[in-house]
Amino acid sequence: MHSPSLGMTENVHKKFFTISDTPFKERCATLIFYESDPFIHEITMAHDPKCHPPWSDTMPSKLSDFICAKSLNPRSPTSLRTCHGDSGAGLEQRDSYNVSTLIGITSFGSKGCPANELARFTRVSKYLNSICEFTGVCYTIT
């Protein structure tokens, strides 16, 4: 069986990420996402390679299968970010040709969506073997 290459390395090499996000009425981000908006939004967040959470954030952050990111303006309550209910949203990395590769999946968020919260994404590359085994869709990292 031929496995197509994802065209990426194990290392995350971008300063900013794009997250495909779905708006929900009950979210704290209703100041930004209105009912008439398209269903999928793209949010840019800053990569935090050290996964350093604020003092008020007690969720786990030092796991090998996490990629972490923060809001571009963590002091603003209207700053774009992931939120409770966003689990499953994709984290993509774009190359110099603007081709996107799914590198993470939104893992969890806190109720209330604090602007300074550290967003955690499950690193897809850690699960490529399992994805291949269970689905028959196989990829390799180059």
N, C-alpha and C. Protein backbone atom coordinates (compact mmCIF):
# COMPACT_ATOMS: atom_id res chain seq x y z
N MET A 1 0.85 -1.17 0.00
CA MET A 1 0.00 0.00 0.00
C MET A 1 0.90 1.24 0.00
N HIS A 2 0.61 2.19 -0.88
CA HIS A 2 1.37 3.43 -0.96
C HIS A 2 0.80 4.44 0.03
N SER A 3 1.65 5.03 0.83
CA SER A 3 1.21 6.04 1.80
C SER A 3 1.61 7.41 1.31
N PRO A 4 0.63 8.29 1.03
CA PRO A 4 1.00 9.65 0.62
C PRO A 4 1.68 10.38 1.76
N SER A 5 2.57 11.28 1.41
CA SER A 5 3.30 12.05 2.40
C SER A 5 2.51 13.29 2.79
N LEU A 6 2.55 13.64 4.06
CA LEU A 6 1.89 14.85 4.51
C LEU A 6 2.70 16.09 4.17
N GLY A 7 3.95 15.93 3.80
CA GLY A 7 4.75 17.09 3.43
C GLY A 7 5.08 17.98 4.61
N MET A 8 5.22 17.42 5.78
CA MET A 8 5.55 18.20 6.96
C MET A 8 6.52 17.39 7.81
N THR A 9 7.13 18.05 8.74
CA THR A 9 8.02 17.35 9.66
C THR A 9 7.29 17.20 10.99
N GLU A 10 7.88 16.48 11.90
CA GLU A 10 7.30 16.32 13.23
C GLU A 10 7.26 17.66 13.96
N ASN A 11 8.17 18.56 13.63
CA ASN A 11 8.25 19.84 14.32
C ASN A 11 7.22 20.83 13.80
N VAL A 12 6.66 21.58 14.69
CA VAL A 12 5.78 22.68 14.32
C VAL A 12 6.68 23.87 14.03
N HIS A 13 6.58 24.43 12.85
CA HIS A 13 7.53 25.47 12.47
C HIS A 13 6.88 26.79 12.10
N LYS A 14 5.74 27.07 12.68
CA LYS A 14 5.07 28.34 12.42
C LYS A 14 4.87 29.10 13.72
N LYS A 15 4.83 30.42 13.59
CA LYS A 15 4.57 31.27 14.74
C LYS A 15 3.07 31.41 14.99
N PHE A 16 2.28 31.37 13.90
CA PHE A 16 0.83 31.52 14.00
C PHE A 16 0.15 30.33 13.34
N PHE A 17 -1.03 29.98 13.84
CA PHE A 17 -1.82 28.88 13.32
C PHE A 17 -3.19 29.37 12.90
N THR A 18 -3.85 28.60 12.08
CA THR A 18 -5.23 28.86 11.71
C THR A 18 -6.07 27.73 12.26
N ILE A 19 -7.15 28.10 12.93
CA ILE A 19 -8.07 27.11 13.49
C ILE A 19 -9.40 27.30 12.80
N SER A 20 -9.96 26.23 12.26
CA SER A 20 -11.31 26.27 11.69
C SER A 20 -12.26 26.07 12.85
N ASP A 21 -13.09 27.05 13.10
CA ASP A 21 -13.91 27.09 14.30
C ASP A 21 -15.37 27.19 13.94
N THR A 22 -16.24 26.60 14.75
CA THR A 22 -17.68 26.71 14.55
C THR A 22 -18.29 27.56 15.64
N PRO A 23 -19.07 28.58 15.29
CA PRO A 23 -19.66 29.46 16.30
C PRO A 23 -20.89 28.84 16.95
N PHE A 24 -21.05 29.07 18.23
CA PHE A 24 -22.23 28.63 18.96
C PHE A 24 -22.81 29.83 19.69
N LYS A 25 -24.13 29.94 19.73
CA LYS A 25 -24.78 31.09 20.36
C LYS A 25 -24.38 31.27 21.82
N GLU A 26 -24.21 30.15 22.53
CA GLU A 26 -23.94 30.24 23.96
C GLU A 26 -22.50 30.59 24.29
N ARG A 27 -21.65 30.69 23.29
CA ARG A 27 -20.23 30.96 23.53
C ARG A 27 -19.99 32.38 23.99
N CYS A 28 -18.89 32.57 24.66
CA CYS A 28 -18.53 33.90 25.10
C CYS A 28 -18.14 34.78 23.91
N ALA A 29 -17.82 34.19 22.80
CA ALA A 29 -17.36 34.94 21.64
C ALA A 29 -18.52 35.48 20.81
N THR A 30 -19.72 35.55 21.36
CA THR A 30 -20.84 36.05 20.58
C THR A 30 -20.67 37.51 20.20
N LEU A 31 -19.74 38.20 20.85
CA LEU A 31 -19.44 39.57 20.45
C LEU A 31 -18.80 39.59 19.06
N ILE A 32 -18.20 38.49 18.67
CA ILE A 32 -17.49 38.41 17.41
C ILE A 32 -18.25 37.58 16.39
N PHE A 33 -18.79 36.44 16.79
CA PHE A 33 -19.46 35.53 15.87
C PHE A 33 -20.97 35.74 15.96
N TYR A 34 -21.56 36.23 14.92
CA TYR A 34 -22.98 36.51 14.89
C TYR A 34 -23.72 35.40 14.18
N GLU A 35 -25.02 35.31 14.42
CA GLU A 35 -25.85 34.27 13.83
C GLU A 35 -25.76 34.23 12.31
N SER A 36 -25.60 35.38 11.67
CA SER A 36 -25.58 35.45 10.21
C SER A 36 -24.23 35.10 9.60
N ASP A 37 -23.23 34.87 10.44
CA ASP A 37 -21.90 34.53 9.93
C ASP A 37 -21.89 33.14 9.30
N PRO A 38 -20.90 32.88 8.42
CA PRO A 38 -20.76 31.52 7.89
C PRO A 38 -20.50 30.53 9.03
N PHE A 39 -20.74 29.26 8.78
CA PHE A 39 -20.61 28.25 9.83
C PHE A 39 -19.18 28.04 10.26
N ILE A 40 -18.23 28.11 9.33
CA ILE A 40 -16.84 27.88 9.70
C ILE A 40 -16.06 29.18 9.64
N HIS A 41 -15.33 29.46 10.70
CA HIS A 41 -14.49 30.65 10.80
C HIS A 41 -13.04 30.22 10.87
N GLU A 42 -12.17 31.08 10.39
CA GLU A 42 -10.74 30.83 10.57
C GLU A 42 -10.22 31.81 11.59
N ILE A 43 -9.58 31.28 12.61
CA ILE A 43 -9.03 32.08 13.70
C ILE A 43 -7.52 31.93 13.67
N THR A 44 -6.81 33.03 13.79
CA THR A 44 -5.36 32.97 13.89
C THR A 44 -4.97 33.08 15.36
N MET A 45 -4.14 32.15 15.80
CA MET A 45 -3.66 32.15 17.18
C MET A 45 -2.14 32.03 17.17
N ALA A 46 -1.50 32.50 18.23
CA ALA A 46 -0.04 32.45 18.35
C ALA A 46 0.40 31.12 18.94
N HIS A 47 1.39 30.49 18.31
CA HIS A 47 1.94 29.23 18.81
C HIS A 47 2.68 29.47 20.12
N ASP A 48 2.46 28.62 21.09
CA ASP A 48 3.17 28.67 22.36
C ASP A 48 3.92 27.35 22.52
N PRO A 49 5.16 27.27 22.01
CA PRO A 49 5.89 25.99 22.02
C PRO A 49 6.17 25.44 23.42
N LYS A 50 6.17 26.30 24.44
CA LYS A 50 6.43 25.83 25.82
C LYS A 50 5.15 25.45 26.55
N CYS A 51 3.99 25.66 25.92
CA CYS A 51 2.70 25.34 26.53
C CYS A 51 2.59 25.92 27.94
N HIS A 52 2.88 27.20 28.07
CA HIS A 52 2.88 27.86 29.38
C HIS A 52 1.50 28.46 29.67
N PRO A 53 0.74 27.83 30.57
CA PRO A 53 -0.60 28.35 30.89
C PRO A 53 -0.52 29.51 31.88
N PRO A 54 -1.55 30.37 31.90
CA PRO A 54 -1.61 31.41 32.93
C PRO A 54 -1.85 30.76 34.30
N TRP A 55 -1.62 31.48 35.37
CA TRP A 55 -1.74 30.93 36.72
C TRP A 55 -3.13 30.37 36.99
N SER A 56 -4.16 30.95 36.36
CA SER A 56 -5.54 30.52 36.63
C SER A 56 -5.94 29.27 35.85
N ASP A 57 -5.12 28.85 34.93
CA ASP A 57 -5.42 27.70 34.07
C ASP A 57 -4.82 26.44 34.69
N THR A 58 -5.67 25.54 35.17
CA THR A 58 -5.18 24.35 35.88
C THR A 58 -5.29 23.07 35.05
N MET A 59 -5.67 23.19 33.79
CA MET A 59 -5.77 22.00 32.94
C MET A 59 -4.38 21.53 32.54
N PRO A 60 -4.22 20.24 32.20
CA PRO A 60 -2.89 19.73 31.82
C PRO A 60 -2.35 20.44 30.58
N SER A 61 -1.02 20.63 30.54
CA SER A 61 -0.43 21.30 29.38
C SER A 61 0.88 20.67 28.92
N LYS A 62 1.48 19.84 29.71
CA LYS A 62 2.81 19.28 29.38
C LYS A 62 2.72 17.85 28.86
N LEU A 63 1.87 17.61 27.87
CA LEU A 63 1.74 16.29 27.29
C LEU A 63 2.41 16.26 25.93
N SER A 64 3.04 15.15 25.59
CA SER A 64 3.82 15.07 24.35
C SER A 64 2.95 15.15 23.10
N ASP A 65 1.66 14.88 23.23
CA ASP A 65 0.81 14.95 22.04
C ASP A 65 0.02 16.27 21.96
N PHE A 66 0.44 17.27 22.72
CA PHE A 66 -0.21 18.58 22.66
C PHE A 66 0.58 19.56 21.80
N ILE A 67 -0.15 20.39 21.08
CA ILE A 67 0.37 21.61 20.47
C ILE A 67 -0.42 22.72 21.14
N CYS A 68 0.26 23.75 21.60
CA CYS A 68 -0.43 24.82 22.34
C CYS A 68 -0.40 26.13 21.58
N ALA A 69 -1.44 26.92 21.79
CA ALA A 69 -1.53 28.24 21.16
C ALA A 69 -2.30 29.17 22.10
N LYS A 70 -2.09 30.47 21.89
CA LYS A 70 -2.78 31.48 22.69
C LYS A 70 -3.43 32.50 21.77
N SER A 71 -4.41 33.18 22.33
CA SER A 71 -5.05 34.29 21.63
C SER A 71 -3.99 35.33 21.26
N LEU A 72 -4.20 36.04 20.16
CA LEU A 72 -3.25 37.08 19.77
C LEU A 72 -3.26 38.25 20.74
N ASN A 73 -4.37 38.43 21.46
CA ASN A 73 -4.46 39.50 22.45
C ASN A 73 -5.13 38.93 23.70
N PRO A 74 -4.34 38.26 24.56
CA PRO A 74 -4.94 37.57 25.71
C PRO A 74 -5.59 38.47 26.75
N ARG A 75 -5.42 39.76 26.64
CA ARG A 75 -6.05 40.67 27.62
C ARG A 75 -7.42 41.17 27.16
N SER A 76 -7.77 40.90 25.91
CA SER A 76 -9.04 41.38 25.38
C SER A 76 -10.12 40.31 25.43
N PRO A 77 -11.27 40.61 26.04
CA PRO A 77 -12.35 39.62 26.09
C PRO A 77 -12.93 39.32 24.71
N THR A 78 -12.68 40.15 23.70
CA THR A 78 -13.20 39.89 22.36
C THR A 78 -12.16 39.27 21.43
N SER A 79 -10.99 38.95 21.96
CA SER A 79 -9.94 38.35 21.15
C SER A 79 -10.35 36.96 20.68
N LEU A 80 -10.08 36.65 19.42
CA LEU A 80 -10.44 35.36 18.87
C LEU A 80 -9.66 34.25 19.54
N ARG A 81 -10.34 33.14 19.86
CA ARG A 81 -9.72 32.02 20.56
C ARG A 81 -10.62 30.80 20.48
N THR A 82 -10.09 29.67 20.90
CA THR A 82 -10.95 28.49 21.01
C THR A 82 -11.75 28.61 22.30
N CYS A 83 -12.81 27.82 22.38
CA CYS A 83 -13.70 27.94 23.51
C CYS A 83 -14.36 26.60 23.81
N HIS A 84 -15.01 26.50 24.95
CA HIS A 84 -15.77 25.32 25.32
C HIS A 84 -16.76 25.02 24.19
N GLY A 85 -16.76 23.81 23.70
CA GLY A 85 -17.64 23.45 22.60
C GLY A 85 -16.94 23.38 21.25
N ASP A 86 -15.68 23.78 21.20
CA ASP A 86 -14.93 23.77 19.94
C ASP A 86 -14.18 22.47 19.68
N SER A 87 -14.30 21.52 20.58
CA SER A 87 -13.56 20.25 20.43
C SER A 87 -13.79 19.66 19.05
N GLY A 88 -12.71 19.21 18.44
CA GLY A 88 -12.79 18.62 17.11
C GLY A 88 -12.44 19.58 15.99
N ALA A 89 -12.36 20.88 16.29
CA ALA A 89 -11.98 21.86 15.25
C ALA A 89 -10.53 21.61 14.85
N GLY A 90 -10.23 21.80 13.58
CA GLY A 90 -8.89 21.51 13.06
C GLY A 90 -7.91 22.65 13.24
N LEU A 91 -6.67 22.29 13.52
CA LEU A 91 -5.55 23.23 13.58
C LEU A 91 -4.69 22.96 12.36
N GLU A 92 -4.52 23.95 11.52
CA GLU A 92 -3.77 23.72 10.30
C GLU A 92 -2.53 24.58 10.24
N GLN A 93 -1.57 24.09 9.50
CA GLN A 93 -0.32 24.81 9.24
C GLN A 93 -0.23 24.97 7.73
N ARG A 94 0.01 26.19 7.27
CA ARG A 94 0.09 26.46 5.84
C ARG A 94 1.54 26.60 5.42
N ASP A 95 1.85 26.03 4.25
CA ASP A 95 3.21 26.14 3.74
C ASP A 95 3.36 27.40 2.88
N SER A 96 4.52 27.56 2.27
CA SER A 96 4.80 28.76 1.48
C SER A 96 3.90 28.88 0.24
N TYR A 97 3.24 27.79 -0.16
CA TYR A 97 2.30 27.81 -1.29
C TYR A 97 0.86 27.95 -0.82
N ASN A 98 0.68 28.20 0.48
CA ASN A 98 -0.63 28.35 1.11
C ASN A 98 -1.44 27.04 1.12
N VAL A 99 -0.73 25.92 1.07
CA VAL A 99 -1.37 24.61 1.16
C VAL A 99 -1.45 24.24 2.65
N SER A 100 -2.63 23.87 3.08
CA SER A 100 -2.85 23.56 4.50
C SER A 100 -2.65 22.10 4.80
N THR A 101 -2.10 21.83 5.98
CA THR A 101 -1.97 20.48 6.51
C THR A 101 -2.57 20.46 7.90
N LEU A 102 -3.46 19.51 8.15
CA LEU A 102 -4.04 19.35 9.48
C LEU A 102 -2.95 18.83 10.42
N ILE A 103 -2.62 19.61 11.44
CA ILE A 103 -1.58 19.17 12.38
C ILE A 103 -2.12 18.93 13.78
N GLY A 104 -3.32 19.45 14.06
CA GLY A 104 -3.89 19.27 15.39
C GLY A 104 -5.40 19.33 15.37
N ILE A 105 -5.99 18.83 16.45
CA ILE A 105 -7.44 18.85 16.63
C ILE A 105 -7.71 19.45 18.01
N THR A 106 -8.61 20.43 18.07
CA THR A 106 -8.93 21.08 19.34
C THR A 106 -9.35 20.04 20.36
N SER A 107 -8.67 20.05 21.51
CA SER A 107 -8.92 19.03 22.52
C SER A 107 -9.99 19.43 23.52
N PHE A 108 -9.86 20.59 24.13
CA PHE A 108 -10.84 21.01 25.13
C PHE A 108 -10.68 22.50 25.41
N GLY A 109 -11.68 23.05 26.06
CA GLY A 109 -11.64 24.45 26.45
C GLY A 109 -12.41 24.62 27.75
N SER A 110 -12.23 25.76 28.37
CA SER A 110 -12.90 26.04 29.63
C SER A 110 -14.22 26.75 29.40
N LYS A 111 -15.19 26.46 30.23
CA LYS A 111 -16.43 27.21 30.18
C LYS A 111 -16.12 28.65 30.55
N GLY A 112 -16.71 29.57 29.84
CA GLY A 112 -16.46 30.98 30.09
C GLY A 112 -15.41 31.54 29.14
N CYS A 113 -14.64 30.69 28.53
CA CYS A 113 -13.66 31.07 27.49
C CYS A 113 -12.75 32.22 27.89
N PRO A 114 -11.98 32.10 28.97
CA PRO A 114 -11.10 33.21 29.34
C PRO A 114 -10.13 33.54 28.21
N ALA A 115 -9.94 34.82 27.97
CA ALA A 115 -9.10 35.27 26.85
C ALA A 115 -7.65 34.85 26.99
N ASN A 116 -7.19 34.64 28.22
CA ASN A 116 -5.78 34.28 28.43
C ASN A 116 -5.57 32.77 28.48
N GLU A 117 -6.60 31.98 28.22
CA GLU A 117 -6.49 30.52 28.30
C GLU A 117 -5.54 29.98 27.23
N LEU A 118 -4.80 28.98 27.60
CA LEU A 118 -3.92 28.26 26.68
C LEU A 118 -4.76 27.23 25.94
N ALA A 119 -4.79 27.32 24.61
CA ALA A 119 -5.54 26.34 23.81
C ALA A 119 -4.67 25.11 23.59
N ARG A 120 -5.26 23.93 23.78
CA ARG A 120 -4.54 22.67 23.58
C ARG A 120 -5.13 21.94 22.39
N PHE A 121 -4.23 21.46 21.54
CA PHE A 121 -4.62 20.70 20.35
C PHE A 121 -3.91 19.36 20.39
N THR A 122 -4.62 18.29 20.06
CA THR A 122 -4.00 16.98 19.98
C THR A 122 -3.20 16.91 18.69
N ARG A 123 -1.94 16.55 18.81
CA ARG A 123 -1.01 16.48 17.67
C ARG A 123 -1.36 15.26 16.81
N VAL A 124 -1.83 15.50 15.59
CA VAL A 124 -2.28 14.44 14.69
C VAL A 124 -1.16 13.45 14.37
N SER A 125 0.07 13.95 14.22
CA SER A 125 1.18 13.08 13.83
C SER A 125 1.41 11.93 14.82
N LYS A 126 1.04 12.12 16.08
CA LYS A 126 1.21 11.07 17.08
C LYS A 126 0.26 9.89 16.87
N TYR A 127 -0.78 10.10 16.05
CA TYR A 127 -1.81 9.09 15.88
C TYR A 127 -1.95 8.58 14.45
N LEU A 128 -0.98 8.89 13.58
CA LEU A 128 -1.07 8.46 12.18
C LEU A 128 -1.12 6.95 12.03
N ASN A 129 -0.36 6.22 12.83
CA ASN A 129 -0.40 4.75 12.75
C ASN A 129 -1.78 4.20 13.11
N SER A 130 -2.37 4.73 14.16
CA SER A 130 -3.71 4.28 14.56
C SER A 130 -4.75 4.66 13.52
N ILE A 131 -4.65 5.85 12.97
CA ILE A 131 -5.58 6.28 11.92
C ILE A 131 -5.49 5.32 10.74
N CYS A 132 -4.27 4.98 10.34
CA CYS A 132 -4.04 4.05 9.24
C CYS A 132 -4.64 2.68 9.55
N GLU A 133 -4.36 2.20 10.75
CA GLU A 133 -4.82 0.86 11.14
C GLU A 133 -6.34 0.75 11.15
N PHE A 134 -7.03 1.77 11.68
CA PHE A 134 -8.48 1.70 11.83
C PHE A 134 -9.26 2.13 10.60
N THR A 135 -8.68 3.01 9.78
CA THR A 135 -9.43 3.53 8.63
C THR A 135 -8.92 3.06 7.29
N GLY A 136 -7.66 2.62 7.24
CA GLY A 136 -7.05 2.25 5.96
C GLY A 136 -6.52 3.46 5.21
N VAL A 137 -6.68 4.65 5.78
CA VAL A 137 -6.14 5.88 5.18
C VAL A 137 -4.79 6.13 5.84
N CYS A 138 -3.72 5.99 5.06
CA CYS A 138 -2.38 6.01 5.63
C CYS A 138 -1.56 7.17 5.08
N TYR A 139 -0.87 7.86 5.97
CA TYR A 139 0.00 8.97 5.60
C TYR A 139 1.34 8.80 6.29
N THR A 140 2.35 9.42 5.73
CA THR A 140 3.66 9.46 6.38
C THR A 140 4.07 10.92 6.52
N ILE A 141 4.99 11.17 7.43
CA ILE A 141 5.54 12.51 7.62
C ILE A 141 6.91 12.53 6.96
N THR A 142 7.16 13.58 6.17
CA THR A 142 8.47 13.68 5.51
C THR A 142 9.33 14.71 6.17
